[in-house]
Protein backbone atom coordinates (compact mmCIF):
# COMPACT_ATOMS: atom_id res chain seq x y z
CA MET A 1 0.00 0.00 0.00
CA PHE A 2 1.25 3.48 -0.86
CA TYR A 3 0.63 6.37 1.52
CA LYS A 4 -0.07 9.62 -0.31
CA ARG A 5 -0.73 11.74 2.75
CA LYS A 6 2.53 12.77 4.37
CA GLN A 7 2.79 12.22 8.10
CA PRO A 8 5.04 14.25 10.40
CA LEU A 9 8.44 12.77 11.08
CA VAL A 10 9.08 11.54 14.59
CA LEU A 11 12.29 13.17 15.80
CA PHE A 12 13.35 10.87 18.61
CA TYR A 13 16.28 11.90 20.81
CA SER A 14 18.16 9.58 23.14
CA SER A 15 21.71 8.76 24.21
CA ARG A 16 23.83 5.90 22.95
CA ARG A 17 23.03 2.99 25.25
CA GLY A 18 20.15 5.04 26.62
CA GLY A 19 17.35 2.68 25.63
CA SER A 20 17.04 4.20 22.17
CA THR A 21 16.79 0.92 20.27
CA LEU A 22 14.14 -0.39 22.65
CA LEU A 23 11.92 2.66 22.24
CA ALA A 24 12.52 2.77 18.48
CA GLU A 25 11.33 -0.84 18.25
CA ILE A 26 8.32 0.01 20.42
CA MET A 27 7.36 2.75 17.95
CA GLU A 28 8.15 0.51 14.99
CA ALA A 29 5.59 -1.98 16.34
CA ALA A 30 2.85 0.42 15.31
CA ARG A 31 1.35 -0.34 11.92
CA SER A 32 3.26 0.97 8.89
CA THR A 33 6.06 2.49 10.96
CA VAL A 34 9.81 2.24 10.37
CA TYR A 35 12.78 3.85 12.04
CA VAL A 36 16.09 5.18 10.81
CA ASP A 37 18.99 4.32 13.07
CA GLN A 38 21.29 7.26 13.85
CA PRO A 39 20.70 9.41 10.75
CA PHE A 40 23.30 11.95 11.95
CA ASP A 41 26.07 9.37 12.32
CA LEU A 42 29.19 10.31 10.34
CA TRP A 43 31.44 7.64 11.85
CA LYS A 44 31.27 5.20 8.91
CA PRO A 45 31.87 7.23 5.74
CA ASP A 46 33.31 4.25 3.86
CA THR A 47 30.07 2.25 3.93
CA ASP A 48 27.27 2.69 1.39
CA ARG A 49 25.00 4.02 4.11
CA GLY A 50 27.69 6.30 5.44
CA ARG A 51 28.36 7.79 2.02
CA ILE A 52 24.68 8.62 1.57
CA ILE A 53 24.51 10.34 4.96
CA ALA A 54 27.77 12.22 4.37
CA SER A 55 26.49 13.47 1.01
CA PHE A 56 23.72 15.36 2.80
CA LEU A 57 25.21 16.42 6.12
CA PRO A 58 27.92 18.95 6.96
CA ASN A 59 31.03 17.51 8.55
CA LYS A 60 31.00 17.89 12.33
CA HIS A 61 33.73 17.21 14.89
CA GLN A 62 33.09 13.83 16.53
CA SER A 63 29.80 13.67 14.60
CA GLN A 64 28.19 16.01 17.15
CA PHE A 65 25.45 18.28 15.84
CA PHE A 66 24.59 21.04 18.30
CA GLU A 67 25.00 24.20 16.22
CA MET A 68 24.74 25.09 12.53
CA ASP A 69 25.30 28.07 10.27
CA ASP A 70 22.95 29.02 7.43
CA GLN A 71 24.67 26.82 4.86
CA GLU A 72 24.63 23.84 7.20
CA LYS A 73 21.00 24.52 8.02
CA ASN A 74 20.11 24.38 4.33
CA LYS A 75 21.82 21.00 3.96
CA ILE A 76 20.11 19.55 7.03
CA THR A 77 16.74 20.92 5.91
CA LEU A 78 17.09 19.15 2.57
CA TYR A 79 18.11 15.95 4.36
CA LEU A 80 15.07 15.99 6.64
CA ASP A 81 12.82 16.87 3.73
CA HIS A 82 14.00 13.75 1.91
CA PHE A 83 12.93 11.65 4.88
CA TYR A 84 9.62 13.50 5.09
CA LYS A 85 8.96 12.79 1.41
CA LYS A 86 10.08 9.17 1.91
CA LYS A 87 12.98 9.48 -0.50
CA LEU A 88 15.46 7.86 1.90
CA LEU A 89 13.50 4.85 3.08
CA HIS A 90 16.41 2.63 2.09
CA LEU A 91 18.17 3.95 5.20
CA SER A 92 15.32 2.73 7.39
CA THR A 93 14.18 -0.65 8.69
CA GLY A 94 11.58 -1.07 5.92
CA LYS A 95 10.80 -0.28 2.30
CA ARG A 96 7.38 1.31 2.73
CA ALA A 97 5.88 3.18 5.63
CA LYS A 98 3.32 5.70 6.74
CA HIS A 99 5.32 6.88 9.74
CA ILE A 100 9.09 7.40 9.91
CA VAL A 101 10.99 7.66 13.19
CA LEU A 102 14.47 9.19 13.19
CA LYS A 103 16.47 7.77 16.09
CA ILE A 104 18.83 10.63 16.90
CA VAL A 105 21.68 10.17 19.38
CA ASN A 106 24.01 13.04 18.51
CA ALA A 107 21.99 16.16 17.65
CA HIS A 108 20.32 17.01 20.95
CA GLY A 109 21.50 20.61 20.79
CA LEU A 110 19.44 21.13 17.64
CA ILE A 111 16.22 19.83 19.18
CA ASP A 112 14.43 23.18 18.79
CA GLU A 113 15.81 24.07 15.37
CA LEU A 114 15.17 20.69 13.72
CA ALA A 115 11.55 20.85 14.84
CA THR A 116 11.10 23.99 12.74
CA LEU A 117 12.64 22.57 9.57
CA VAL A 118 10.10 19.86 8.79
CA PRO A 119 6.62 18.80 9.98
CA SER A 120 7.45 16.67 12.99
CA LYS A 121 6.73 15.51 16.50
CA THR A 122 9.50 15.37 19.10
CA VAL A 123 10.08 12.53 21.56
CA VAL A 124 12.85 12.39 24.17
CA LEU A 125 14.05 9.34 26.10
CA MET A 126 16.46 9.75 29.01
CA ARG A 127 18.27 7.18 31.11
CA HIS A 128 20.25 7.45 34.34
CA PRO A 129 23.64 8.86 33.31
CA PHE A 130 25.57 6.49 35.56
CA SER A 131 23.97 3.43 34.02
CA GLN A 132 24.27 4.82 30.51
CA SER A 133 27.91 5.79 31.01
CA LEU A 134 28.88 2.35 32.28
CA SER A 135 27.28 0.81 29.21
CA VAL A 136 29.30 3.09 26.95
CA MET A 137 32.45 2.07 28.82
CA ARG A 138 31.62 -1.62 28.63
CA ASN A 139 31.50 -1.34 24.86
CA LYS A 140 34.75 0.66 24.84
CA TRP A 141 33.22 3.55 22.96
CA GLY A 142 34.83 6.95 22.99
CA THR A 143 33.38 10.03 24.66
CA CYS A 144 32.60 13.19 22.72
CA GLU A 145 32.83 15.98 25.28
CA ALA A 146 35.67 17.64 23.35
CA ALA A 147 33.36 18.68 20.52
CA PHE A 148 31.28 20.76 22.93
CA ILE A 149 34.19 22.17 24.93
CA GLU A 150 36.11 23.27 21.84
CA SER A 151 33.19 25.22 20.38
CA THR A 152 33.62 28.73 21.76
CA THR A 153 30.35 29.85 20.19
CA TRP A 154 28.41 27.14 22.00
CA THR A 155 30.21 27.42 25.32
CA ASP A 156 29.95 31.23 25.37
CA THR A 157 26.21 30.93 24.80
CA TYR A 158 25.24 28.04 27.03
CA LEU A 159 27.90 27.44 29.69
CA THR A 160 29.03 29.52 32.63
CA LEU A 161 32.74 30.13 33.10
CA GLU A 162 32.66 27.67 36.01
CA GLN A 163 31.00 24.99 33.90
CA LEU A 164 33.49 25.46 31.09
CA ALA A 165 36.54 25.34 33.36
CA PHE A 166 35.16 22.29 35.15
CA SER A 167 34.44 20.56 31.83
CA LYS A 168 38.01 21.11 30.67
CA GLU A 169 39.37 19.73 33.93
CA VAL A 170 37.25 16.57 33.77
CA SER A 171 38.04 16.08 30.08
CA GLU A 172 41.78 16.38 30.72
CA LYS A 173 42.14 14.63 34.09
CA GLY A 174 38.95 12.69 34.75
CA THR A 175 38.43 8.95 34.66
CA TYR A 176 36.73 7.21 31.75
CA PHE A 177 33.52 7.09 33.81
CA GLU A 178 33.70 10.78 34.71
CA LYS A 179 34.24 11.74 31.08
CA ALA A 180 31.24 9.65 30.05
CA VAL A 181 29.04 11.36 32.65
CA LEU A 182 30.34 14.75 31.49
CA ASN A 183 29.50 13.76 27.92
CA TRP A 184 25.93 12.96 29.04
CA CYS A 185 25.61 16.34 30.79
CA LEU A 186 26.89 18.32 27.80
CA GLU A 187 24.76 16.33 25.39
CA TRP A 188 21.58 16.99 27.37
CA HIS A 189 22.48 20.51 28.54
CA TYR A 190 20.46 22.35 25.91
CA PRO A 191 17.36 20.11 26.03
CA LEU A 192 17.27 20.19 29.84
CA HIS A 193 17.81 23.90 30.38
CA TYR A 194 16.96 25.79 27.20
CA SER A 195 14.61 23.87 24.93
CA LYS A 196 11.10 25.25 24.38
CA THR A 197 9.88 22.76 21.77
CA LYS A 198 6.72 20.83 22.54
CA LYS A 199 7.85 17.30 23.25
CA LEU A 200 7.02 14.09 25.03
CA THR A 201 9.75 13.22 27.52
CA LEU A 202 10.01 9.62 28.65
CA TYR A 203 12.43 7.89 30.98
CA TYR A 204 13.96 4.47 30.47
CA GLU A 205 13.33 3.57 34.10
CA ASP A 206 9.62 4.35 33.75
CA LEU A 207 9.43 2.08 30.71
CA VAL A 208 10.90 -0.72 32.80
CA LEU A 209 8.66 -0.16 35.82
CA ASP A 210 5.38 0.85 34.18
CA GLY A 211 5.81 0.22 30.49
CA ALA A 212 2.18 -0.16 29.44
CA ASN A 213 1.23 3.24 30.85
CA HIS A 214 4.10 5.11 29.25
CA ILE A 215 3.79 3.34 25.90
CA THR A 216 0.14 4.36 25.91
CA ARG A 217 1.22 7.97 26.48
CA LEU A 218 3.70 7.66 23.62
CA TYR A 219 1.24 6.16 21.16
CA GLU A 220 -1.42 8.73 22.02
CA PHE A 221 1.07 11.58 21.59
CA LEU A 222 2.05 10.28 18.15
CA GLY A 223 -1.45 9.26 17.08
CA PHE A 224 -0.39 5.62 16.78
CA LYS A 225 -2.70 2.68 17.33
CA GLU A 226 -1.97 -1.00 18.15
CA ILE A 227 -0.69 -0.09 21.62
CA GLN A 228 -0.60 -3.77 22.53
CA ASN A 229 2.06 -4.34 19.87
CA GLY A 230 4.31 -1.79 21.50
CA VAL A 231 3.78 -3.24 24.97
CA ALA A 232 4.71 -6.70 23.69
CA ILE A 233 8.16 -5.42 22.69
CA LEU A 234 9.02 -4.80 26.35
CA ASN A 235 9.20 -8.52 27.03
CA LYS A 236 11.92 -9.07 24.43
CA PRO A 237 15.60 -8.07 24.44
CA SER A 238 16.13 -5.28 21.90
CA LYS A 239 18.29 -5.64 18.79
CA SER A 240 21.11 -3.93 20.68
CA SER A 241 20.95 -6.33 23.65
CA ASN A 242 24.24 -7.85 22.54
CA PHE A 243 25.77 -4.65 23.96
CA SER A 244 24.14 -5.28 27.36
CA THR A 245 25.46 -7.14 30.36
CA LYS A 246 24.41 -10.72 30.96
CA ALA A 247 22.62 -9.55 34.10
CA THR A 248 20.57 -7.03 32.12
CA VAL A 249 19.52 -9.56 29.51
CA GLU A 250 18.57 -12.04 32.22
CA GLY A 251 16.67 -9.29 34.01
CA ILE A 252 14.63 -8.67 30.87
CA LYS A 253 13.88 -12.36 30.47
CA ASN A 254 13.01 -12.84 34.15
CA ASN A 255 11.18 -9.52 34.48
CA ASP A 256 13.46 -8.59 37.39
CA LYS A 257 12.94 -4.84 37.18
CA SER A 258 14.82 -3.93 40.33
CA ALA A 259 17.96 -5.75 39.20
CA MET A 260 17.85 -4.06 35.81
CA LEU A 261 17.70 -0.56 37.26
CA SER A 262 20.16 -0.91 40.13
CA SER A 263 22.87 -3.07 38.57
CA TRP A 264 25.13 -0.05 38.04
CA ARG A 265 25.61 0.40 41.79
CA SER A 266 27.69 -2.74 42.18
CA GLN A 267 30.07 -1.51 39.47
CA LEU A 268 30.98 1.80 41.11
CA GLU A 269 33.01 2.74 44.17
CA GLU A 270 32.06 5.53 46.56
CA LYS A 271 34.59 7.92 45.04
CA ASP A 272 33.06 7.30 41.61
CA LEU A 273 29.63 8.21 42.94
CA VAL A 274 30.89 11.34 44.68
CA ASN A 275 32.80 12.63 41.66
CA ALA A 276 30.00 11.85 39.23
CA GLN A 277 27.44 13.54 41.46
CA LYS A 278 29.60 16.65 41.45
CA ILE A 279 29.43 16.68 37.65
CA LEU A 280 25.63 16.50 37.78
CA ASP A 281 25.57 19.29 40.35
CA VAL A 282 27.79 21.60 38.31
CA PHE A 283 25.41 21.22 35.37
CA ASN A 284 22.30 21.60 37.52
CA VAL A 285 21.02 18.12 36.66
CA THR A 286 18.32 17.28 39.19
CA VAL A 287 16.26 14.66 37.39
CA TYR A 288 18.92 12.01 38.13
CA SER A 289 21.33 11.59 41.03
CA ARG A 290 23.54 9.05 42.81
CA PHE A 291 20.86 8.67 45.48
CA SER A 292 18.12 7.14 43.32
CA ASP A 293 17.86 4.54 40.58
CA ILE A 294 14.84 6.30 39.08
CA PRO A 295 14.23 9.86 37.86
CA GLN A 296 13.18 12.45 40.42
CA LEU A 297 10.46 14.49 38.76
């Protein structure tokens, strides 16, 4: 079936290892819905997919999109318009679709601007930064705080002098874990403290504890039906579960929600918790802390 009426894109923002694949699959479970995995990823320019993406997007340090000039804006607008008109479905999980979800993990700072470039709805998924950071470390992925710190335009606009000096210190002298937490704070700094775009914000921990309720909220926000299809996804490991710990995968299978959400505590020492909490405090992050496994709203 061909869909003549264009539907708004779903601009879905999450962190790497932040539950993004799980929520993308939950949305994909709705009828005639596909998702595009990391459409702003410039890390693989030698692949067919990477060449297509690079042909549209401006080159950005560490593939981090949080600011753009007029020329870059024109390129990104054209790119999003191609998705909106379903001209880039070959980058998605299906060949035909009514709804297209863009799973974005590295353009959080453009959350307001991208929403103005194309008809769209914005969804945000956050996860405890300590848990997310440990997952990044486990997979031996690099951190991208340098891209933010080195942009004087961005830091002059959005960071205080204290925040900038502290960021440089952590980036230069901090542990792998501290750098990953800093990366999380910089990545989410604009959405948490400056964004005005209408959005639905979800939390990974809420999906684990009360998935049916929050999937219902998601589907209603997007105008999707077949809510039961989305709920069914929660009982399965996501496509990215090979990046998860054995304990997490077993927790999914055994429905051990407490173990899934608190497993990060056994992997950190007190000094790790203290130093990471200081990073959250410097960036005025209150939704998550060392003292709770779940968001404090």
